[in-house]
Amino acid sequence: MENDKYSLLKAEVQEIIDLIAAKNAKEANNKLAEVSEQLDELLDTSDEDEDLIEISKYQVLLNQLYQRIVALNGHA
């Protein structure tokens, strides 16, 4: 089960990356918001150090992807 939620997150992050590569900033931003909500829910329900570390890695990655989306749009 643990690997399933991270596999799903990985696939959704890849979708964001693909949307950025396709220069579809609006859809990428929408997907990023959706994934951010999922991460927030995981963070609220997790208390294992391993989970918290994994979640923080995804948070950093989403932050970097957000900066790419902003750059793609040319504004915040």
C-alpha atoms as a PDB file:
ATOM      1  CA  MET A   1       0.000   0.000   0.000  1.00  0.00           C
ATOM      2  CA  GLU A   2       2.808   2.410   0.895  1.00  0.00           C
ATOM      3  CA  ASN A   3       4.485   1.900  -2.468  1.00  0.00           C
ATOM      4  CA  ASP A   4       1.157   2.314  -4.266  1.00  0.00           C
ATOM      5  CA  LYS A   5       0.618   5.865  -3.020  1.00  0.00           C
ATOM      6  CA  TYR A   6       4.151   6.846  -3.967  1.00  0.00           C
ATOM      7  CA  SER A   7       3.836   5.128  -7.349  1.00  0.00           C
ATOM      8  CA  LEU A   8       0.698   7.166  -7.998  1.00  0.00           C
ATOM      9  CA  LEU A   9       2.449  10.360  -6.898  1.00  0.00           C
ATOM     10  CA  LYS A  10       5.400   9.557  -9.144  1.00  0.00           C
ATOM     11  CA  ALA A  11       3.096   9.072 -12.133  1.00  0.00           C
ATOM     12  CA  GLU A  12       1.260  12.314 -11.423  1.00  0.00           C
ATOM     13  CA  VAL A  13       4.519  14.249 -11.049  1.00  0.00           C
ATOM     14  CA  GLN A  14       5.634  12.796 -14.373  1.00  0.00           C
ATOM     15  CA  GLU A  15       2.388  14.059 -15.889  1.00  0.00           C
ATOM     16  CA  ILE A  16       3.219  17.565 -14.622  1.00  0.00           C
ATOM     17  CA  ILE A  17       6.685  17.302 -16.168  1.00  0.00           C
ATOM     18  CA  ASP A  18       5.163  16.175 -19.469  1.00  0.00           C
ATOM     19  CA  LEU A  19       2.727  19.114 -19.440  1.00  0.00           C
ATOM     20  CA  ILE A  20       5.588  21.535 -18.795  1.00  0.00           C
ATOM     21  CA  ALA A  21       7.551  19.972 -21.669  1.00  0.00           C
ATOM     22  CA  ALA A  22       4.494  20.451 -23.886  1.00  0.00           C
ATOM     23  CA  LYS A  23       4.399  24.102 -22.724  1.00  0.00           C
ATOM     24  CA  ASN A  24       0.906  23.629 -21.313  1.00  0.00           C
ATOM     25  CA  ALA A  25       1.379  25.805 -18.243  1.00  0.00           C
ATOM     26  CA  LYS A  26      -2.296  26.057 -17.296  1.00  0.00           C
ATOM     27  CA  GLU A  27      -2.857  22.296 -17.166  1.00  0.00           C
ATOM     28  CA  ALA A  28       0.502  21.764 -15.473  1.00  0.00           C
ATOM     29  CA  ASN A  29      -0.431  24.279 -12.779  1.00  0.00           C
ATOM     30  CA  ASN A  30      -3.836  22.643 -12.267  1.00  0.00           C
ATOM     31  CA  LYS A  31      -2.237  19.209 -11.918  1.00  0.00           C
ATOM     32  CA  LEU A  32       0.407  20.597  -9.567  1.00  0.00           C
ATOM     33  CA  ALA A  33      -2.320  22.027  -7.320  1.00  0.00           C
ATOM     34  CA  GLU A  34      -4.072  18.648  -7.283  1.00  0.00           C
ATOM     35  CA  VAL A  35      -0.877  16.788  -6.373  1.00  0.00           C
ATOM     36  CA  SER A  36      -0.044  19.392  -3.712  1.00  0.00           C
ATOM     37  CA  GLU A  37      -3.388  18.713  -2.053  1.00  0.00           C
ATOM     38  CA  GLN A  38      -2.666  14.987  -2.064  1.00  0.00           C
ATOM     39  CA  LEU A  39       0.722  15.607  -0.468  1.00  0.00           C
ATOM     40  CA  ASP A  40      -0.873  17.791   2.201  1.00  0.00           C
ATOM     41  CA  GLU A  41      -3.325  14.999   3.023  1.00  0.00           C
ATOM     42  CA  LEU A  42      -0.480  12.478   3.240  1.00  0.00           C
ATOM     43  CA  LEU A  43       1.458  14.846   5.480  1.00  0.00           C
ATOM     44  CA  ASP A  44      -1.545  15.231   7.785  1.00  0.00           C
ATOM     45  CA  THR A  45      -1.961  11.476   8.168  1.00  0.00           C
ATOM     46  CA  SER A  46       1.684  10.386   8.289  1.00  0.00           C
ATOM     47  CA  ASP A  47       3.797  10.061  11.387  1.00  0.00           C
ATOM     48  CA  GLU A  48       6.503   7.686  10.200  1.00  0.00           C
ATOM     49  CA  ASP A  49       9.877   9.337   9.611  1.00  0.00           C
ATOM     50  CA  GLU A  50      10.306   7.483   6.311  1.00  0.00           C
ATOM     51  CA  ASP A  51       6.973   8.810   5.034  1.00  0.00           C
ATOM     52  CA  LEU A  52       7.782  12.344   6.129  1.00  0.00           C
ATOM     53  CA  ILE A  53      11.130  12.204   4.347  1.00  0.00           C
ATOM     54  CA  GLU A  54       9.523  10.910   1.155  1.00  0.00           C
ATOM     55  CA  ILE A  55       6.788  13.553   1.313  1.00  0.00           C
ATOM     56  CA  SER A  56       9.354  16.315   1.808  1.00  0.00           C
ATOM     57  CA  LYS A  57      11.208  15.153  -1.317  1.00  0.00           C
ATOM     58  CA  TYR A  58       8.007  15.487  -3.321  1.00  0.00           C
ATOM     59  CA  GLN A  59       7.340  18.924  -1.820  1.00  0.00           C
ATOM     60  CA  VAL A  60      10.761  20.140  -2.934  1.00  0.00           C
ATOM     61  CA  LEU A  61      10.205  18.690  -6.395  1.00  0.00           C
ATOM     62  CA  LEU A  62       6.783  20.330  -6.700  1.00  0.00           C
ATOM     63  CA  ASN A  63       8.303  23.646  -5.681  1.00  0.00           C
ATOM     64  CA  GLN A  64      10.892  23.332  -8.456  1.00  0.00           C
ATOM     65  CA  LEU A  65       8.185  22.385 -10.961  1.00  0.00           C
ATOM     66  CA  TYR A  66       6.111  25.382  -9.874  1.00  0.00           C
ATOM     67  CA  GLN A  67       9.072  27.646 -10.595  1.00  0.00           C
ATOM     68  CA  ARG A  68       9.310  26.114 -14.075  1.00  0.00           C
ATOM     69  CA  ILE A  69       5.600  26.744 -14.658  1.00  0.00           C
ATOM     70  CA  VAL A  70       5.980  30.368 -13.540  1.00  0.00           C
ATOM     71  CA  ALA A  71       8.929  30.758 -15.912  1.00  0.00           C
ATOM     72  CA  LEU A  72       6.851  29.217 -18.698  1.00  0.00           C
ATOM     73  CA  ASN A  73       4.066  31.724 -18.056  1.00  0.00           C
ATOM     74  CA  GLY A  74       6.482  34.587 -17.685  1.00  0.00           C
ATOM     75  CA  HIS A  75       4.817  35.700 -14.451  1.00  0.00           C
ATOM     76  CA  ALA A  76       3.540  34.481 -11.081  1.00  0.00           C
END
